[in-house]
C-alpha atoms as a PDB file:
ATOM      1  CA  UNK A   1      57.918 154.816 105.630  1.00  0.00           C
ATOM      2  CA  UNK A   2      58.781 156.047 109.161  1.00  0.00           C
ATOM      3  CA  UNK A   3      55.913 155.666 111.595  1.00  0.00           C
ATOM      4  CA  UNK A   4      55.526 158.279 114.503  1.00  0.00           C
ATOM      5  CA  UNK A   5      53.329 157.348 117.604  1.00  0.00           C
ATOM      6  CA  UNK A   6      50.515 159.528 116.427  1.00  0.00           C
ATOM      7  CA  UNK A   7      50.221 157.652 113.219  1.00  0.00           C
ATOM      8  CA  UNK A   8      50.404 154.256 114.956  1.00  0.00           C
ATOM      9  CA  UNK A   9      47.605 155.044 117.415  1.00  0.00           C
ATOM     10  CA  UNK A  10      45.536 156.932 114.856  1.00  0.00           C
ATOM     11  CA  UNK A  11      42.430 155.094 114.539  1.00  0.00           C
ATOM     12  CA  UNK A  12      43.018 152.499 117.367  1.00  0.00           C
ATOM     13  CA  UNK A  13      40.457 151.765 119.966  1.00  0.00           C
ATOM     14  CA  UNK A  14      42.591 149.414 122.084  1.00  0.00           C
ATOM     15  CA  UNK A  15      45.948 149.635 123.465  1.00  0.00           C
ATOM     16  CA  UNK A  16      47.381 146.581 124.517  1.00  0.00           C
ATOM     17  CA  UNK A  17      50.393 146.096 127.052  1.00  0.00           C
ATOM     18  CA  UNK A  18      52.736 143.587 128.051  1.00  0.00           C
ATOM     19  CA  UNK A  19      53.334 143.474 131.647  1.00  0.00           C
ATOM     20  CA  UNK A  20      56.971 142.700 132.324  1.00  0.00           C
ATOM     21  CA  UNK A  21      58.821 145.494 130.920  1.00  0.00           C
ATOM     22  CA  UNK A  22      56.277 147.900 129.751  1.00  0.00           C
ATOM     23  CA  UNK A  23      54.209 148.007 132.873  1.00  0.00           C
ATOM     24  CA  UNK A  24      56.756 147.150 135.354  1.00  0.00           C
ATOM     25  CA  UNK A  25      60.095 145.036 136.067  1.00  0.00           C
ATOM     26  CA  UNK A  26      58.486 142.221 137.539  1.00  0.00           C
ATOM     27  CA  UNK A  27      61.565 140.458 138.875  1.00  0.00           C
ATOM     28  CA  UNK A  28      63.596 143.654 140.319  1.00  0.00           C
ATOM     29  CA  UNK A  29      63.527 142.269 143.730  1.00  0.00           C
ATOM     30  CA  UNK A  30      63.102 138.427 143.363  1.00  0.00           C
ATOM     31  CA  UNK A  31      65.211 137.593 140.285  1.00  0.00           C
ATOM     32  CA  UNK A  32      63.881 135.603 137.370  1.00  0.00           C
ATOM     33  CA  UNK A  33      67.003 133.659 137.447  1.00  0.00           C
ATOM     34  CA  UNK A  34      66.403 132.588 141.149  1.00  0.00           C
ATOM     35  CA  UNK A  35      63.171 131.578 140.073  1.00  0.00           C
ATOM     36  CA  UNK A  36      64.084 129.456 137.457  1.00  0.00           C
ATOM     37  CA  UNK A  37      66.613 127.625 139.625  1.00  0.00           C
ATOM     38  CA  UNK A  38      63.924 126.913 142.121  1.00  0.00           C
ATOM     39  CA  UNK A  39      61.643 125.621 139.131  1.00  0.00           C
ATOM     40  CA  UNK A  40      64.628 123.380 138.265  1.00  0.00           C
ATOM     41  CA  UNK A  41      65.000 122.118 141.700  1.00  0.00           C
ATOM     42  CA  UNK A  42      61.491 120.996 141.679  1.00  0.00           C
ATOM     43  CA  UNK A  43      61.523 119.631 138.291  1.00  0.00           C
ATOM     44  CA  UNK A  44      64.590 117.434 139.451  1.00  0.00           C
ATOM     45  CA  UNK A  45      62.395 115.500 141.693  1.00  0.00           C
ATOM     46  CA  UNK A  46      60.148 114.906 138.871  1.00  0.00           C
ATOM     47  CA  UNK A  47      62.060 114.306 135.799  1.00  0.00           C
ATOM     48  CA  UNK A  48      65.879 114.619 136.331  1.00  0.00           C
ATOM     49  CA  UNK A  49      66.716 114.176 132.734  1.00  0.00           C
ATOM     50  CA  UNK A  50      64.597 117.438 132.046  1.00  0.00           C
ATOM     51  CA  UNK A  51      66.154 119.222 134.891  1.00  0.00           C
ATOM     52  CA  UNK A  52      69.722 118.610 134.017  1.00  0.00           C
ATOM     53  CA  UNK A  53      68.697 119.737 130.019  1.00  0.00           C
ATOM     54  CA  UNK A  54      67.647 122.946 131.420  1.00  0.00           C
ATOM     55  CA  UNK A  55      69.415 123.625 134.554  1.00  0.00           C
ATOM     56  CA  UNK A  56      71.399 126.651 132.825  1.00  0.00           C
ATOM     57  CA  UNK A  57      68.184 128.424 131.959  1.00  0.00           C
ATOM     58  CA  UNK A  58      67.820 131.651 133.641  1.00  0.00           C
ATOM     59  CA  UNK A  59      63.987 132.478 132.239  1.00  0.00           C
ATOM     60  CA  UNK A  60      61.327 130.899 134.388  1.00  0.00           C
ATOM     61  CA  UNK A  61      58.861 130.870 131.453  1.00  0.00           C
ATOM     62  CA  UNK A  62      61.361 128.746 129.591  1.00  0.00           C
ATOM     63  CA  UNK A  63      61.644 126.321 132.397  1.00  0.00           C
ATOM     64  CA  UNK A  64      57.914 125.912 132.282  1.00  0.00           C
ATOM     65  CA  UNK A  65      58.087 125.460 128.266  1.00  0.00           C
ATOM     66  CA  UNK A  66      60.695 123.020 129.206  1.00  0.00           C
ATOM     67  CA  UNK A  67      58.626 120.973 131.483  1.00  0.00           C
ATOM     68  CA  UNK A  68      55.742 121.091 129.104  1.00  0.00           C
ATOM     69  CA  UNK A  69      57.729 119.425 126.672  1.00  0.00           C
ATOM     70  CA  UNK A  70      58.037 116.161 128.472  1.00  0.00           C
ATOM     71  CA  UNK A  71      55.821 116.197 131.515  1.00  0.00           C
ATOM     72  CA  UNK A  72      52.105 114.744 132.007  1.00  0.00           C
ATOM     73  CA  UNK A  73      49.504 117.512 132.319  1.00  0.00           C
ATOM     74  CA  UNK A  74      49.208 117.334 136.532  1.00  0.00           C
ATOM     75  CA  UNK A  75      53.102 117.633 136.602  1.00  0.00           C
ATOM     76  CA  UNK A  76      52.932 120.789 134.315  1.00  0.00           C
ATOM     77  CA  UNK A  77      50.276 122.221 136.776  1.00  0.00           C
ATOM     78  CA  UNK A  78      52.381 121.619 139.513  1.00  0.00           C
ATOM     79  CA  UNK A  79      55.361 123.590 137.957  1.00  0.00           C
ATOM     80  CA  UNK A  80      53.038 126.455 136.797  1.00  0.00           C
ATOM     81  CA  UNK A  81      51.522 126.660 140.324  1.00  0.00           C
ATOM     82  CA  UNK A  82      54.714 127.317 141.691  1.00  0.00           C
ATOM     83  CA  UNK A  83      55.702 129.945 139.155  1.00  0.00           C
ATOM     84  CA  UNK A  84      52.246 131.773 139.996  1.00  0.00           C
ATOM     85  CA  UNK A  85      53.186 131.729 143.733  1.00  0.00           C
ATOM     86  CA  UNK A  86      56.784 133.219 142.980  1.00  0.00           C
ATOM     87  CA  UNK A  87      55.187 135.760 140.462  1.00  0.00           C
ATOM     88  CA  UNK A  88      52.939 136.875 143.058  1.00  0.00           C
ATOM     89  CA  UNK A  89      55.612 137.413 145.592  1.00  0.00           C
ATOM     90  CA  UNK A  90      57.781 138.995 142.971  1.00  0.00           C
ATOM     91  CA  UNK A  91      55.259 141.960 142.118  1.00  0.00           C
ATOM     92  CA  UNK A  92      55.429 142.935 145.859  1.00  0.00           C
ATOM     93  CA  UNK A  93      58.951 144.374 144.847  1.00  0.00           C
ATOM     94  CA  UNK A  94      58.589 145.112 141.210  1.00  0.00           C
ATOM     95  CA  UNK A  95      59.563 148.528 140.061  1.00  0.00           C
ATOM     96  CA  UNK A  96      57.321 150.788 137.876  1.00  0.00           C
ATOM     97  CA  UNK A  97      58.322 151.435 134.379  1.00  0.00           C
ATOM     98  CA  UNK A  98      58.835 155.290 134.352  1.00  0.00           C
ATOM     99  CA  UNK A  99      56.116 156.620 132.452  1.00  0.00           C
ATOM    100  CA  UNK A 100      53.486 153.887 132.261  1.00  0.00           C
ATOM    101  CA  UNK A 101      50.926 155.661 134.513  1.00  0.00           C
ATOM    102  CA  UNK A 102      50.914 158.693 132.320  1.00  0.00           C
ATOM    103  CA  UNK A 103      50.792 156.538 129.168  1.00  0.00           C
ATOM    104  CA  UNK A 104      47.735 154.625 130.669  1.00  0.00           C
ATOM    105  CA  UNK A 105      45.867 157.781 131.853  1.00  0.00           C
ATOM    106  CA  UNK A 106      46.541 159.495 128.713  1.00  0.00           C
ATOM    107  CA  UNK A 107      45.271 156.671 126.621  1.00  0.00           C
ATOM    108  CA  UNK A 108      42.072 156.574 128.821  1.00  0.00           C
ATOM    109  CA  UNK A 109      41.599 160.190 128.236  1.00  0.00           C
ATOM    110  CA  UNK A 110      41.814 159.902 124.788  1.00  0.00           C
ATOM    111  CA  UNK A 111      38.999 157.101 124.785  1.00  0.00           C
ATOM    112  CA  UNK A 112      40.900 154.126 124.356  1.00  0.00           C
ATOM    113  CA  UNK A 113      40.513 150.874 126.113  1.00  0.00           C
ATOM    114  CA  UNK A 114      43.780 149.427 127.836  1.00  0.00           C
ATOM    115  CA  UNK A 115      44.323 145.932 128.572  1.00  0.00           C
ATOM    116  CA  UNK A 116      47.041 143.724 129.646  1.00  0.00           C
ATOM    117  CA  UNK A 117      48.451 140.655 127.650  1.00  0.00           C
ATOM    118  CA  UNK A 118      51.021 138.859 129.231  1.00  0.00           C
ATOM    119  CA  UNK A 119      52.932 135.386 129.796  1.00  0.00           C
ATOM    120  CA  UNK A 120      52.649 136.230 133.626  1.00  0.00           C
ATOM    121  CA  UNK A 121      50.011 134.972 135.568  1.00  0.00           C
ATOM    122  CA  UNK A 122      46.984 137.050 135.603  1.00  0.00           C
ATOM    123  CA  UNK A 123      46.782 136.692 139.474  1.00  0.00           C
ATOM    124  CA  UNK A 124      50.147 138.484 140.034  1.00  0.00           C
ATOM    125  CA  UNK A 125      49.158 140.982 137.379  1.00  0.00           C
ATOM    126  CA  UNK A 126      45.916 141.905 139.117  1.00  0.00           C
ATOM    127  CA  UNK A 127      47.844 142.122 142.295  1.00  0.00           C
ATOM    128  CA  UNK A 128      50.226 144.740 141.207  1.00  0.00           C
ATOM    129  CA  UNK A 129      47.727 146.633 139.422  1.00  0.00           C
ATOM    130  CA  UNK A 130      45.675 146.950 142.545  1.00  0.00           C
ATOM    131  CA  UNK A 131      48.804 147.736 144.797  1.00  0.00           C
ATOM    132  CA  UNK A 132      49.571 150.761 142.272  1.00  0.00           C
ATOM    133  CA  UNK A 133      46.329 152.183 141.719  1.00  0.00           C
ATOM    134  CA  UNK A 134      46.098 151.053 138.019  1.00  0.00           C
ATOM    135  CA  UNK A 135      43.198 148.369 138.340  1.00  0.00           C
ATOM    136  CA  UNK A 136      40.333 150.793 137.469  1.00  0.00           C
ATOM    137  CA  UNK A 137      42.257 151.954 134.269  1.00  0.00           C
ATOM    138  CA  UNK A 138      42.898 148.385 132.795  1.00  0.00           C
ATOM    139  CA  UNK A 139      39.683 146.937 131.172  1.00  0.00           C
ATOM    140  CA  UNK A 140      41.040 143.317 130.927  1.00  0.00           C
ATOM    141  CA  UNK A 141      43.952 140.970 132.113  1.00  0.00           C
ATOM    142  CA  UNK A 142      44.806 138.098 129.814  1.00  0.00           C
ATOM    143  CA  UNK A 143      47.731 136.010 131.337  1.00  0.00           C
ATOM    144  CA  UNK A 144      49.115 132.797 130.769  1.00  0.00           C
ATOM    145  CA  UNK A 145      46.363 129.943 130.543  1.00  0.00           C
ATOM    146  CA  UNK A 146      47.423 127.773 133.752  1.00  0.00           C
ATOM    147  CA  UNK A 147      48.993 124.588 132.805  1.00  0.00           C
ATOM    148  CA  UNK A 148      49.033 125.640 129.009  1.00  0.00           C
ATOM    149  CA  UNK A 149      52.486 127.330 128.625  1.00  0.00           C
ATOM    150  CA  UNK A 150      52.367 126.255 124.722  1.00  0.00           C
ATOM    151  CA  UNK A 151      49.757 129.235 124.548  1.00  0.00           C
ATOM    152  CA  UNK A 152      52.215 131.661 125.889  1.00  0.00           C
ATOM    153  CA  UNK A 153      53.550 134.356 123.197  1.00  0.00           C
ATOM    154  CA  UNK A 154      54.640 134.022 120.502  1.00  0.00           C
ATOM    155  CA  UNK A 155      51.279 132.040 120.072  1.00  0.00           C
ATOM    156  CA  UNK A 156      48.502 134.634 119.335  1.00  0.00           C
ATOM    157  CA  UNK A 157      46.251 132.896 121.552  1.00  0.00           C
ATOM    158  CA  UNK A 158      46.514 135.533 124.468  1.00  0.00           C
ATOM    159  CA  UNK A 159      45.891 138.232 121.842  1.00  0.00           C
ATOM    160  CA  UNK A 160      43.056 136.802 119.944  1.00  0.00           C
ATOM    161  CA  UNK A 161      41.309 136.132 123.318  1.00  0.00           C
ATOM    162  CA  UNK A 162      41.809 139.860 124.469  1.00  0.00           C
ATOM    163  CA  UNK A 163      40.098 140.642 121.252  1.00  0.00           C
ATOM    164  CA  UNK A 164      37.245 138.721 121.774  1.00  0.00           C
ATOM    165  CA  UNK A 165      36.700 139.816 125.444  1.00  0.00           C
ATOM    166  CA  UNK A 166      36.975 143.604 124.461  1.00  0.00           C
ATOM    167  CA  UNK A 167      34.997 142.987 121.220  1.00  0.00           C
ATOM    168  CA  UNK A 168      37.645 144.675 119.246  1.00  0.00           C
ATOM    169  CA  UNK A 169      38.870 143.775 115.475  1.00  0.00           C
ATOM    170  CA  UNK A 170      42.740 143.284 115.118  1.00  0.00           C
ATOM    171  CA  UNK A 171      42.778 146.356 112.953  1.00  0.00           C
ATOM    172  CA  UNK A 172      41.530 148.506 115.850  1.00  0.00           C
ATOM    173  CA  UNK A 173      44.347 147.574 118.330  1.00  0.00           C
ATOM    174  CA  UNK A 174      48.028 148.104 119.089  1.00  0.00           C
ATOM    175  CA  UNK A 175      50.183 146.154 121.225  1.00  0.00           C
ATOM    176  CA  UNK A 176      53.219 147.444 123.230  1.00  0.00           C
ATOM    177  CA  UNK A 177      55.877 144.647 123.829  1.00  0.00           C
ATOM    178  CA  UNK A 178      59.656 144.429 124.815  1.00  0.00           C
ATOM    179  CA  UNK A 179      60.526 141.140 123.372  1.00  0.00           C
ATOM    180  CA  UNK A 180      60.707 139.523 120.209  1.00  0.00           C
ATOM    181  CA  UNK A 181      58.183 137.344 121.192  1.00  0.00           C
ATOM    182  CA  UNK A 182      55.968 139.947 121.700  1.00  0.00           C
ATOM    183  CA  UNK A 183      56.370 141.270 118.225  1.00  0.00           C
ATOM    184  CA  UNK A 184      55.762 137.736 116.820  1.00  0.00           C
ATOM    185  CA  UNK A 185      52.464 137.435 118.857  1.00  0.00           C
ATOM    186  CA  UNK A 186      51.088 140.765 117.546  1.00  0.00           C
ATOM    187  CA  UNK A 187      52.108 139.991 113.901  1.00  0.00           C
ATOM    188  CA  UNK A 188      50.402 136.362 114.341  1.00  0.00           C
ATOM    189  CA  UNK A 189      47.174 137.991 115.508  1.00  0.00           C
ATOM    190  CA  UNK A 190      47.190 140.599 112.998  1.00  0.00           C
ATOM    191  CA  UNK A 191      47.609 143.679 115.524  1.00  0.00           C
ATOM    192  CA  UNK A 192      49.751 146.423 115.144  1.00  0.00           C
ATOM    193  CA  UNK A 193      53.045 146.209 117.200  1.00  0.00           C
ATOM    194  CA  UNK A 194      55.218 148.821 119.268  1.00  0.00           C
ATOM    195  CA  UNK A 195      58.337 147.829 120.634  1.00  0.00           C
ATOM    196  CA  UNK A 196      59.669 149.018 123.769  1.00  0.00           C
ATOM    197  CA  UNK A 197      63.318 149.020 123.707  1.00  0.00           C
ATOM    198  CA  UNK A 198      64.234 149.283 127.387  1.00  0.00           C
ATOM    199  CA  UNK A 199      67.773 147.575 127.223  1.00  0.00           C
ATOM    200  CA  UNK A 200      70.564 148.249 124.843  1.00  0.00           C
ATOM    201  CA  UNK A 201      70.353 146.118 121.701  1.00  0.00           C
ATOM    202  CA  UNK A 202      66.752 145.705 121.944  1.00  0.00           C
ATOM    203  CA  UNK A 203      65.805 148.392 119.459  1.00  0.00           C
ATOM    204  CA  UNK A 204      67.298 146.407 116.384  1.00  0.00           C
ATOM    205  CA  UNK A 205      66.077 143.265 117.352  1.00  0.00           C
ATOM    206  CA  UNK A 206      62.458 144.710 117.674  1.00  0.00           C
ATOM    207  CA  UNK A 207      62.658 146.243 114.611  1.00  0.00           C
ATOM    208  CA  UNK A 208      63.872 143.256 112.906  1.00  0.00           C
ATOM    209  CA  UNK A 209      61.082 141.457 114.216  1.00  0.00           C
ATOM    210  CA  UNK A 210      58.849 143.645 112.356  1.00  0.00           C
ATOM    211  CA  UNK A 211      57.629 146.359 115.141  1.00  0.00           C
ATOM    212  CA  UNK A 212      55.793 149.343 113.585  1.00  0.00           C
ATOM    213  CA  UNK A 213      57.519 151.608 116.058  1.00  0.00           C
ATOM    214  CA  UNK A 214      59.961 151.198 118.370  1.00  0.00           C
ATOM    215  CA  UNK A 215      60.318 153.554 121.399  1.00  0.00           C
ATOM    216  CA  UNK A 216      62.479 153.745 124.147  1.00  0.00           C
ATOM    217  CA  UNK A 217      60.590 155.477 126.609  1.00  0.00           C
ATOM    218  CA  UNK A 218      56.895 156.415 127.498  1.00  0.00           C
END
């Protein structure tokens, strides 16, 4: 059965949004690849072999995951702190996703609670929302648990946390994400997912991952 947006939202009380992609392009002015390279260089001082193994990684989140696989907890914290600071700087030049402001205001007007669930740091997310006048519309921000990258999506931890914080049953929520890991996290938490295909080729990947609905704009 093909689902339309009204069918997906019907009966839901909580709209969950991933941050990078659905809300904004976080690394538009401070590229993710540059941040990843900077993290790898910091890793080189701590664990050269790990740095060499992931030197071609362009996703800073994956660099953090790579560090977590081999480093002591204190060193993982150091890399996570560096990434969090970079994210806080990056949001200053982040580009808003077209239509997201209207989506959020429409959801609030319709009586839905809106929350952010992201692998990005909560501090950077809060900074962006305040700068763009969206902070009062967002009920909760659940970001990457500091020093615990193993709990990032696709692990359902973040989604389970926001359900607890908002007191919402999984069946009462829907989650908008733009990556396969978002869809997997939603499925793992029992939350209906909406794929945001903001780049060519994403629609098929999100559908194949099990998104209930895929949209190309808001």
